[in-house]
Amino acid sequence: MVCFLAFELWRTLRPFCRAAGLGGCPRKVLDELTQIQRVDLVLPAQHGPEIRLRGSSARRGARQS
């Protein structure tokens, strides 16, 4: 089942990559997606509700050329 989903994702991304001028291989898109990190931070507050912060950032060294 996982292999089938991966195959369908690959086939779905291919035309989008071609339209965006990235070539016919979705590997570039998948490599960029692996560089994204998601961060959820919950800070307790003395008065009132807790503070929730959500953010995302690229890993260090992701943009090396």
C-alpha atoms as a PDB file:
ATOM      1  CA  MET A   1       0.000   0.000   0.000  1.00  0.00           C
ATOM      2  CA  VAL A   2       2.816   2.430   0.842  1.00  0.00           C
ATOM      3  CA  CYS A   3       4.545   1.711  -2.450  1.00  0.00           C
ATOM      4  CA  PHE A   4       1.339   2.399  -4.341  1.00  0.00           C
ATOM      5  CA  LEU A   5       0.853   5.748  -2.564  1.00  0.00           C
ATOM      6  CA  ALA A   6       4.450   6.720  -3.252  1.00  0.00           C
ATOM      7  CA  PHE A   7       4.029   5.816  -6.922  1.00  0.00           C
ATOM      8  CA  GLU A   8       0.847   7.890  -7.202  1.00  0.00           C
ATOM      9  CA  LEU A   9       2.478  10.853  -5.473  1.00  0.00           C
ATOM     10  CA  TRP A  10       5.354  10.603  -7.945  1.00  0.00           C
ATOM     11  CA  ARG A  11       2.960  10.493 -10.902  1.00  0.00           C
ATOM     12  CA  THR A  12       0.933  13.419  -9.540  1.00  0.00           C
ATOM     13  CA  LEU A  13       3.972  15.636  -8.964  1.00  0.00           C
ATOM     14  CA  ARG A  14       5.497  14.995 -12.403  1.00  0.00           C
ATOM     15  CA  PRO A  15       3.161  17.277 -14.432  1.00  0.00           C
ATOM     16  CA  PHE A  16       3.401  20.037 -11.812  1.00  0.00           C
ATOM     17  CA  CYS A  17       7.193  19.899 -11.998  1.00  0.00           C
ATOM     18  CA  ARG A  18       7.142  20.102 -15.788  1.00  0.00           C
ATOM     19  CA  ALA A  19       4.739  23.059 -15.694  1.00  0.00           C
ATOM     20  CA  ALA A  20       6.957  24.860 -13.166  1.00  0.00           C
ATOM     21  CA  GLY A  21      10.057  24.318 -15.307  1.00  0.00           C
ATOM     22  CA  LEU A  22      11.720  21.886 -12.895  1.00  0.00           C
ATOM     23  CA  GLY A  23      11.999  19.072 -15.412  1.00  0.00           C
ATOM     24  CA  GLY A  24      10.147  15.786 -15.357  1.00  0.00           C
ATOM     25  CA  CYS A  25      11.554  14.433 -12.105  1.00  0.00           C
ATOM     26  CA  PRO A  26       9.790  15.219  -8.802  1.00  0.00           C
ATOM     27  CA  ARG A  27      12.967  14.389  -6.865  1.00  0.00           C
ATOM     28  CA  LYS A  28      13.832  18.116  -6.563  1.00  0.00           C
ATOM     29  CA  VAL A  29      10.472  18.857  -4.928  1.00  0.00           C
ATOM     30  CA  LEU A  30      10.773  15.930  -2.524  1.00  0.00           C
ATOM     31  CA  ASP A  31      14.330  16.940  -1.584  1.00  0.00           C
ATOM     32  CA  GLU A  32      13.158  20.464  -0.774  1.00  0.00           C
ATOM     33  CA  LEU A  33      10.266  19.141   1.319  1.00  0.00           C
ATOM     34  CA  THR A  34      12.663  17.116   3.474  1.00  0.00           C
ATOM     35  CA  GLN A  35      14.418  20.358   4.476  1.00  0.00           C
ATOM     36  CA  ILE A  36      11.342  21.824   6.215  1.00  0.00           C
ATOM     37  CA  GLN A  37      11.085  21.461   9.978  1.00  0.00           C
ATOM     38  CA  ARG A  38       7.922  22.172  11.934  1.00  0.00           C
ATOM     39  CA  VAL A  39       8.152  23.536  15.460  1.00  0.00           C
ATOM     40  CA  ASP A  40       5.313  23.727  18.001  1.00  0.00           C
ATOM     41  CA  LEU A  41       6.107  25.532  21.248  1.00  0.00           C
ATOM     42  CA  VAL A  42       3.737  25.605  24.255  1.00  0.00           C
ATOM     43  CA  LEU A  43       4.586  27.999  27.085  1.00  0.00           C
ATOM     44  CA  PRO A  44       2.695  27.809  30.385  1.00  0.00           C
ATOM     45  CA  ALA A  45       1.317  31.148  31.608  1.00  0.00           C
ATOM     46  CA  GLN A  46       0.728  32.169  35.225  1.00  0.00           C
ATOM     47  CA  HIS A  47      -2.514  33.955  34.414  1.00  0.00           C
ATOM     48  CA  GLY A  48      -4.747  32.998  31.525  1.00  0.00           C
ATOM     49  CA  PRO A  49      -4.377  30.406  28.805  1.00  0.00           C
ATOM     50  CA  GLU A  50      -1.072  28.893  27.757  1.00  0.00           C
ATOM     51  CA  ILE A  51       0.847  30.512  24.909  1.00  0.00           C
ATOM     52  CA  ARG A  52       1.111  28.432  21.739  1.00  0.00           C
ATOM     53  CA  LEU A  53       3.592  29.294  19.013  1.00  0.00           C
ATOM     54  CA  ARG A  54       3.904  27.426  15.734  1.00  0.00           C
ATOM     55  CA  GLY A  55       6.562  27.942  13.124  1.00  0.00           C
ATOM     56  CA  SER A  56       8.619  26.277  10.469  1.00  0.00           C
ATOM     57  CA  SER A  57      12.165  26.756   9.335  1.00  0.00           C
ATOM     58  CA  ALA A  58      14.669  25.258   6.955  1.00  0.00           C
ATOM     59  CA  ARG A  59      17.446  23.107   8.350  1.00  0.00           C
ATOM     60  CA  ARG A  60      20.872  24.661   8.604  1.00  0.00           C
ATOM     61  CA  GLY A  61      22.903  24.084   5.493  1.00  0.00           C
ATOM     62  CA  ALA A  62      19.847  23.400   3.352  1.00  0.00           C
ATOM     63  CA  ARG A  63      20.678  26.138   0.853  1.00  0.00           C
ATOM     64  CA  GLN A  64      24.243  25.150   0.088  1.00  0.00           C
ATOM     65  CA  SER A  65      25.189  25.646  -3.550  1.00  0.00           C
END
